[in-house]
PDB file of N, CA and C in Angstrom:
ATOM      1  N   UNK A   1     127.322  65.731 196.690  1.00  0.00           N
ATOM      2  CA  UNK A   1     126.572  66.401 195.808  1.00  0.00           C
ATOM      3  C   UNK A   1     126.500  67.863 195.999  1.00  0.00           C
ATOM      4  N   UNK A   2     126.949  68.610 194.987  1.00  0.00           N
ATOM      5  CA  UNK A   2     126.969  70.171 195.409  1.00  0.00           C
ATOM      6  C   UNK A   2     125.791  70.832 194.536  1.00  0.00           C
ATOM      7  N   UNK A   3     125.113  71.846 195.176  1.00  0.00           N
ATOM      8  CA  UNK A   3     124.079  72.521 194.678  1.00  0.00           C
ATOM      9  C   UNK A   3     124.724  73.776 193.904  1.00  0.00           C
ATOM     10  N   UNK A   4     124.067  73.948 192.649  1.00  0.00           N
ATOM     11  CA  UNK A   4     124.363  75.196 191.944  1.00  0.00           C
ATOM     12  C   UNK A   4     123.882  76.419 192.545  1.00  0.00           C
ATOM     13  N   UNK A   5     124.547  77.452 192.693  1.00  0.00           N
ATOM     14  CA  UNK A   5     123.862  78.602 193.128  1.00  0.00           C
ATOM     15  C   UNK A   5     122.899  79.188 192.210  1.00  0.00           C
ATOM     16  N   UNK A   6     121.774  79.751 192.836  1.00  0.00           N
ATOM     17  CA  UNK A   6     120.656  80.311 191.994  1.00  0.00           C
ATOM     18  C   UNK A   6     121.174  81.245 190.971  1.00  0.00           C
ATOM     19  N   UNK A   7     120.635  81.258 189.837  1.00  0.00           N
ATOM     20  CA  UNK A   7     121.002  82.467 188.968  1.00  0.00           C
ATOM     21  C   UNK A   7     120.119  83.721 189.300  1.00  0.00           C
ATOM     22  N   UNK A   8     120.952  84.731 189.363  1.00  0.00           N
ATOM     23  CA  UNK A   8     120.253  85.972 189.493  1.00  0.00           C
ATOM     24  C   UNK A   8     120.171  86.868 188.195  1.00  0.00           C
ATOM     25  N   UNK A   9     118.993  87.475 187.978  1.00  0.00           N
ATOM     26  CA  UNK A   9     118.650  88.308 186.926  1.00  0.00           C
ATOM     27  C   UNK A   9     118.273  89.709 187.394  1.00  0.00           C
ATOM     28  N   UNK A  10     118.291  90.700 186.674  1.00  0.00           N
ATOM     29  CA  UNK A  10     117.826  91.991 187.163  1.00  0.00           C
ATOM     30  C   UNK A  10     116.361  92.192 186.549  1.00  0.00           C
ATOM     31  N   UNK A  11     115.646  92.764 187.508  1.00  0.00           N
ATOM     32  CA  UNK A  11     114.260  93.047 187.147  1.00  0.00           C
ATOM     33  C   UNK A  11     114.188  94.054 185.960  1.00  0.00           C
ATOM     34  N   UNK A  12     113.412  93.677 184.978  1.00  0.00           N
ATOM     35  CA  UNK A  12     113.192  94.457 183.737  1.00  0.00           C
ATOM     36  C   UNK A  12     112.715  95.756 183.998  1.00  0.00           C
ATOM     37  N   UNK A  13     111.988  96.119 185.126  1.00  0.00           N
ATOM     38  CA  UNK A  13     111.307  97.215 185.386  1.00  0.00           C
ATOM     39  C   UNK A  13     112.095  98.301 186.182  1.00  0.00           C
ATOM     40  N   UNK A  14     112.626  97.623 187.403  1.00  0.00           N
ATOM     41  CA  UNK A  14     113.559  98.567 188.281  1.00  0.00           C
ATOM     42  C   UNK A  14     115.068  98.148 188.399  1.00  0.00           C
ATOM     43  N   UNK A  15     115.346  96.930 187.864  1.00  0.00           N
ATOM     44  CA  UNK A  15     116.708  96.649 187.975  1.00  0.00           C
ATOM     45  C   UNK A  15     117.208  95.917 189.189  1.00  0.00           C
ATOM     46  N   UNK A  16     116.167  95.566 190.056  1.00  0.00           N
ATOM     47  CA  UNK A  16     116.628  94.925 191.397  1.00  0.00           C
ATOM     48  C   UNK A  16     117.068  93.476 191.022  1.00  0.00           C
ATOM     49  N   UNK A  17     117.808  92.904 191.786  1.00  0.00           N
ATOM     50  CA  UNK A  17     118.241  91.507 191.628  1.00  0.00           C
ATOM     51  C   UNK A  17     117.205  90.583 191.896  1.00  0.00           C
ATOM     52  N   UNK A  18     116.889  89.514 191.225  1.00  0.00           N
ATOM     53  CA  UNK A  18     115.857  88.587 191.323  1.00  0.00           C
ATOM     54  C   UNK A  18     116.541  87.103 191.140  1.00  0.00           C
ATOM     55  N   UNK A  19     116.322  86.419 192.218  1.00  0.00           N
ATOM     56  CA  UNK A  19     116.896  85.049 192.050  1.00  0.00           C
ATOM     57  C   UNK A  19     115.905  84.166 191.115  1.00  0.00           C
ATOM     58  N   UNK A  20     116.515  83.385 190.084  1.00  0.00           N
ATOM     59  CA  UNK A  20     115.616  82.738 189.196  1.00  0.00           C
ATOM     60  C   UNK A  20     115.299  81.225 189.830  1.00  0.00           C
ATOM     61  N   UNK A  21     114.440  81.347 190.762  1.00  0.00           N
ATOM     62  CA  UNK A  21     114.004  79.971 191.422  1.00  0.00           C
ATOM     63  C   UNK A  21     112.457  79.930 191.410  1.00  0.00           C
ATOM     64  N   UNK A  22     112.009  78.705 191.660  1.00  0.00           N
ATOM     65  CA  UNK A  22     110.659  78.636 191.669  1.00  0.00           C
ATOM     66  C   UNK A  22     109.810  79.423 192.580  1.00  0.00           C
ATOM     67  N   UNK A  23     110.424  79.804 193.831  1.00  0.00           N
ATOM     68  CA  UNK A  23     109.832  80.489 194.886  1.00  0.00           C
ATOM     69  C   UNK A  23     109.738  81.913 194.393  1.00  0.00           C
ATOM     70  N   UNK A  24     110.417  82.393 193.378  1.00  0.00           N
ATOM     71  CA  UNK A  24     110.219  83.785 192.971  1.00  0.00           C
ATOM     72  C   UNK A  24     109.086  84.039 192.002  1.00  0.00           C
ATOM     73  N   UNK A  25     107.908  84.184 192.673  1.00  0.00           N
ATOM     74  CA  UNK A  25     106.673  84.023 191.891  1.00  0.00           C
ATOM     75  C   UNK A  25     106.536  84.865 190.698  1.00  0.00           C
ATOM     76  N   UNK A  26     107.068  86.133 190.780  1.00  0.00           N
ATOM     77  CA  UNK A  26     106.934  87.301 189.838  1.00  0.00           C
ATOM     78  C   UNK A  26     108.018  87.284 188.821  1.00  0.00           C
ATOM     79  N   UNK A  27     108.974  86.321 188.878  1.00  0.00           N
ATOM     80  CA  UNK A  27     110.164  86.294 188.017  1.00  0.00           C
ATOM     81  C   UNK A  27     109.684  86.548 186.436  1.00  0.00           C
ATOM     82  N   UNK A  28     110.375  87.245 185.779  1.00  0.00           N
ATOM     83  CA  UNK A  28     111.642  87.949 185.997  1.00  0.00           C
ATOM     84  C   UNK A  28     111.528  89.307 186.863  1.00  0.00           C
ATOM     85  N   UNK A  29     110.344  89.694 187.148  1.00  0.00           N
ATOM     86  CA  UNK A  29     110.193  90.879 187.976  1.00  0.00           C
ATOM     87  C   UNK A  29     110.369  90.619 189.337  1.00  0.00           C
ATOM     88  N   UNK A  30     110.658  91.633 190.164  1.00  0.00           N
ATOM     89  CA  UNK A  30     111.034  91.502 191.698  1.00  0.00           C
ATOM     90  C   UNK A  30     109.662  91.535 192.337  1.00  0.00           C
ATOM     91  N   UNK A  31     108.571  92.026 191.911  1.00  0.00           N
ATOM     92  CA  UNK A  31     107.376  92.190 192.709  1.00  0.00           C
ATOM     93  C   UNK A  31     106.258  92.289 191.765  1.00  0.00           C
ATOM     94  N   UNK A  32     104.965  92.178 192.391  1.00  0.00           N
ATOM     95  CA  UNK A  32     103.719  92.333 191.705  1.00  0.00           C
ATOM     96  C   UNK A  32     103.666  93.733 191.002  1.00  0.00           C
ATOM     97  N   UNK A  33     104.180  94.752 191.924  1.00  0.00           N
ATOM     98  CA  UNK A  33     104.131  96.107 191.432  1.00  0.00           C
ATOM     99  C   UNK A  33     104.899  96.219 190.025  1.00  0.00           C
ATOM    100  N   UNK A  34     106.036  95.747 189.898  1.00  0.00           N
ATOM    101  CA  UNK A  34     106.982  95.859 188.737  1.00  0.00           C
ATOM    102  C   UNK A  34     106.292  95.154 187.660  1.00  0.00           C
ATOM    103  N   UNK A  35     105.718  93.971 187.915  1.00  0.00           N
ATOM    104  CA  UNK A  35     105.044  93.247 186.900  1.00  0.00           C
ATOM    105  C   UNK A  35     103.738  93.938 186.385  1.00  0.00           C
ATOM    106  N   UNK A  36     102.933  94.606 187.268  1.00  0.00           N
ATOM    107  CA  UNK A  36     102.065  95.343 186.740  1.00  0.00           C
ATOM    108  C   UNK A  36     102.268  96.562 186.083  1.00  0.00           C
ATOM    109  N   UNK A  37     103.432  97.340 186.423  1.00  0.00           N
ATOM    110  CA  UNK A  37     103.872  98.513 185.668  1.00  0.00           C
ATOM    111  C   UNK A  37     104.243  98.083 184.314  1.00  0.00           C
ATOM    112  N   UNK A  38     104.994  96.899 184.255  1.00  0.00           N
ATOM    113  CA  UNK A  38     105.296  96.528 182.855  1.00  0.00           C
ATOM    114  C   UNK A  38     104.161  96.204 181.859  1.00  0.00           C
ATOM    115  N   UNK A  39     103.133  95.625 182.514  1.00  0.00           N
ATOM    116  CA  UNK A  39     101.891  95.207 181.907  1.00  0.00           C
ATOM    117  C   UNK A  39     101.075  96.522 181.450  1.00  0.00           C
ATOM    118  N   UNK A  40     101.196  97.505 182.229  1.00  0.00           N
ATOM    119  CA  UNK A  40     100.531  98.770 181.929  1.00  0.00           C
ATOM    120  C   UNK A  40     101.226  99.436 180.808  1.00  0.00           C
ATOM    121  N   UNK A  41     102.499  99.330 180.808  1.00  0.00           N
ATOM    122  CA  UNK A  41     103.312  99.979 179.643  1.00  0.00           C
ATOM    123  C   UNK A  41     102.953  99.339 178.369  1.00  0.00           C
ATOM    124  N   UNK A  42     102.815  97.995 178.359  1.00  0.00           N
ATOM    125  CA  UNK A  42     102.371  97.376 177.131  1.00  0.00           C
ATOM    126  C   UNK A  42     100.937  97.573 176.845  1.00  0.00           C
ATOM    127  N   UNK A  43     100.133  97.800 177.632  1.00  0.00           N
ATOM    128  CA  UNK A  43      98.739  98.049 177.356  1.00  0.00           C
ATOM    129  C   UNK A  43      98.655  99.572 176.972  1.00  0.00           C
ATOM    130  N   UNK A  44      99.330 100.331 177.243  1.00  0.00           N
ATOM    131  CA  UNK A  44      99.104 101.754 176.775  1.00  0.00           C
ATOM    132  C   UNK A  44      99.988 102.032 175.620  1.00  0.00           C
ATOM    133  N   UNK A  45     100.721 101.122 175.112  1.00  0.00           N
ATOM    134  CA  UNK A  45     101.464 101.234 173.892  1.00  0.00           C
ATOM    135  C   UNK A  45     102.730 101.876 173.942  1.00  0.00           C
ATOM    136  N   UNK A  46     103.229 101.937 175.373  1.00  0.00           N
ATOM    137  CA  UNK A  46     104.710 102.468 175.525  1.00  0.00           C
ATOM    138  C   UNK A  46     105.724 101.833 174.812  1.00  0.00           C
ATOM    139  N   UNK A  47     105.554 100.416 174.654  1.00  0.00           N
ATOM    140  CA  UNK A  47     106.494  99.463 174.029  1.00  0.00           C
ATOM    141  C   UNK A  47     106.114  99.425 172.653  1.00  0.00           C
ATOM    142  N   UNK A  48     106.807  99.827 171.411  1.00  0.00           N
ATOM    143  CA  UNK A  48     106.598  99.603 170.128  1.00  0.00           C
ATOM    144  C   UNK A  48     107.771  99.138 169.434  1.00  0.00           C
ATOM    145  N   UNK A  49     107.461  98.699 168.334  1.00  0.00           N
ATOM    146  CA  UNK A  49     108.552  98.116 167.368  1.00  0.00           C
ATOM    147  C   UNK A  49     108.588  98.874 166.244  1.00  0.00           C
ATOM    148  N   UNK A  50     109.639  99.708 165.891  1.00  0.00           N
ATOM    149  CA  UNK A  50     109.623 100.653 164.793  1.00  0.00           C
ATOM    150  C   UNK A  50     109.334  99.864 163.514  1.00  0.00           C
ATOM    151  N   UNK A  51     108.573 100.497 162.610  1.00  0.00           N
ATOM    152  CA  UNK A  51     108.282  99.864 161.300  1.00  0.00           C
ATOM    153  C   UNK A  51     108.782 100.709 160.290  1.00  0.00           C
ATOM    154  N   UNK A  52     109.532 100.162 159.269  1.00  0.00           N
ATOM    155  CA  UNK A  52     110.074 100.922 158.198  1.00  0.00           C
ATOM    156  C   UNK A  52     109.030 100.577 156.916  1.00  0.00           C
ATOM    157  N   UNK A  53     108.451 101.419 156.343  1.00  0.00           N
ATOM    158  CA  UNK A  53     107.728 101.312 155.167  1.00  0.00           C
ATOM    159  C   UNK A  53     108.657 101.196 153.864  1.00  0.00           C
ATOM    160  N   UNK A  54     108.649  99.922 153.372  1.00  0.00           N
ATOM    161  CA  UNK A  54     109.711  99.502 152.417  1.00  0.00           C
ATOM    162  C   UNK A  54     109.518 100.276 151.049  1.00  0.00           C
ATOM    163  N   UNK A  55     108.152 100.654 150.746  1.00  0.00           N
ATOM    164  CA  UNK A  55     107.872 101.436 149.630  1.00  0.00           C
ATOM    165  C   UNK A  55     108.650 102.777 149.663  1.00  0.00           C
ATOM    166  N   UNK A  56     108.408 103.467 150.863  1.00  0.00           N
ATOM    167  CA  UNK A  56     109.114 104.665 151.098  1.00  0.00           C
ATOM    168  C   UNK A  56     110.612 104.669 150.877  1.00  0.00           C
ATOM    169  N   UNK A  57     111.047 103.504 151.525  1.00  0.00           N
ATOM    170  CA  UNK A  57     112.670 103.231 151.549  1.00  0.00           C
ATOM    171  C   UNK A  57     113.212 103.196 150.210  1.00  0.00           C
ATOM    172  N   UNK A  58     112.539 102.413 149.303  1.00  0.00           N
ATOM    173  CA  UNK A  58     112.763 102.251 147.907  1.00  0.00           C
ATOM    174  C   UNK A  58     112.812 103.486 147.146  1.00  0.00           C
ATOM    175  N   UNK A  59     111.721 104.294 147.363  1.00  0.00           N
ATOM    176  CA  UNK A  59     111.815 105.620 146.734  1.00  0.00           C
ATOM    177  C   UNK A  59     112.948 106.433 147.094  1.00  0.00           C
ATOM    178  N   UNK A  60     113.062 106.577 148.443  1.00  0.00           N
ATOM    179  CA  UNK A  60     114.186 107.364 148.997  1.00  0.00           C
ATOM    180  C   UNK A  60     115.624 106.945 148.402  1.00  0.00           C
ATOM    181  N   UNK A  61     115.889 105.624 148.295  1.00  0.00           N
ATOM    182  CA  UNK A  61     117.035 105.202 147.705  1.00  0.00           C
ATOM    183  C   UNK A  61     117.050 105.461 146.255  1.00  0.00           C
ATOM    184  N   UNK A  62     116.289 105.522 145.558  1.00  0.00           N
ATOM    185  CA  UNK A  62     116.168 105.689 144.020  1.00  0.00           C
ATOM    186  C   UNK A  62     116.442 107.128 143.677  1.00  0.00           C
ATOM    187  N   UNK A  63     116.000 107.991 144.593  1.00  0.00           N
ATOM    188  CA  UNK A  63     116.233 109.305 144.416  1.00  0.00           C
ATOM    189  C   UNK A  63     117.672 109.901 144.738  1.00  0.00           C
ATOM    190  N   UNK A  64     118.210 109.226 145.793  1.00  0.00           N
ATOM    191  CA  UNK A  64     119.598 109.644 146.286  1.00  0.00           C
ATOM    192  C   UNK A  64     120.650 108.826 145.512  1.00  0.00           C
ATOM    193  N   UNK A  65     120.270 107.654 144.899  1.00  0.00           N
ATOM    194  CA  UNK A  65     121.258 106.973 143.966  1.00  0.00           C
ATOM    195  C   UNK A  65     120.665 106.718 142.567  1.00  0.00           C
ATOM    196  N   UNK A  66     120.507 107.639 141.963  1.00  0.00           N
ATOM    197  CA  UNK A  66     120.004 107.452 140.465  1.00  0.00           C
ATOM    198  C   UNK A  66     120.758 106.325 139.771  1.00  0.00           C
ATOM    199  N   UNK A  67     120.100 105.681 138.939  1.00  0.00           N
ATOM    200  CA  UNK A  67     120.696 104.791 138.037  1.00  0.00           C
ATOM    201  C   UNK A  67     121.480 105.414 136.796  1.00  0.00           C
ATOM    202  N   UNK A  68     122.593 105.085 136.301  1.00  0.00           N
ATOM    203  CA  UNK A  68     123.336 105.604 135.254  1.00  0.00           C
ATOM    204  C   UNK A  68     122.627 105.524 134.078  1.00  0.00           C
ATOM    205  N   UNK A  69     122.847 106.509 133.063  1.00  0.00           N
ATOM    206  CA  UNK A  69     122.208 106.412 131.669  1.00  0.00           C
ATOM    207  C   UNK A  69     122.763 105.430 130.694  1.00  0.00           C
TER     208      UNK A  69
END
């Protein structure tokens, strides 16, 4: 019976390799420091998803592409 090698991922904070095994208690992060830094970035609002206001987008499109008479 052969054992599969552990999957390795990169720490999302610093890029260090992390083995994806139960013993890696901070996975996908390499350490408590990187895990805390990521949490701090979320808490401070550094990670945001851009939002497009659809009403503004519709108005912009109608001005740049007027309907034919």
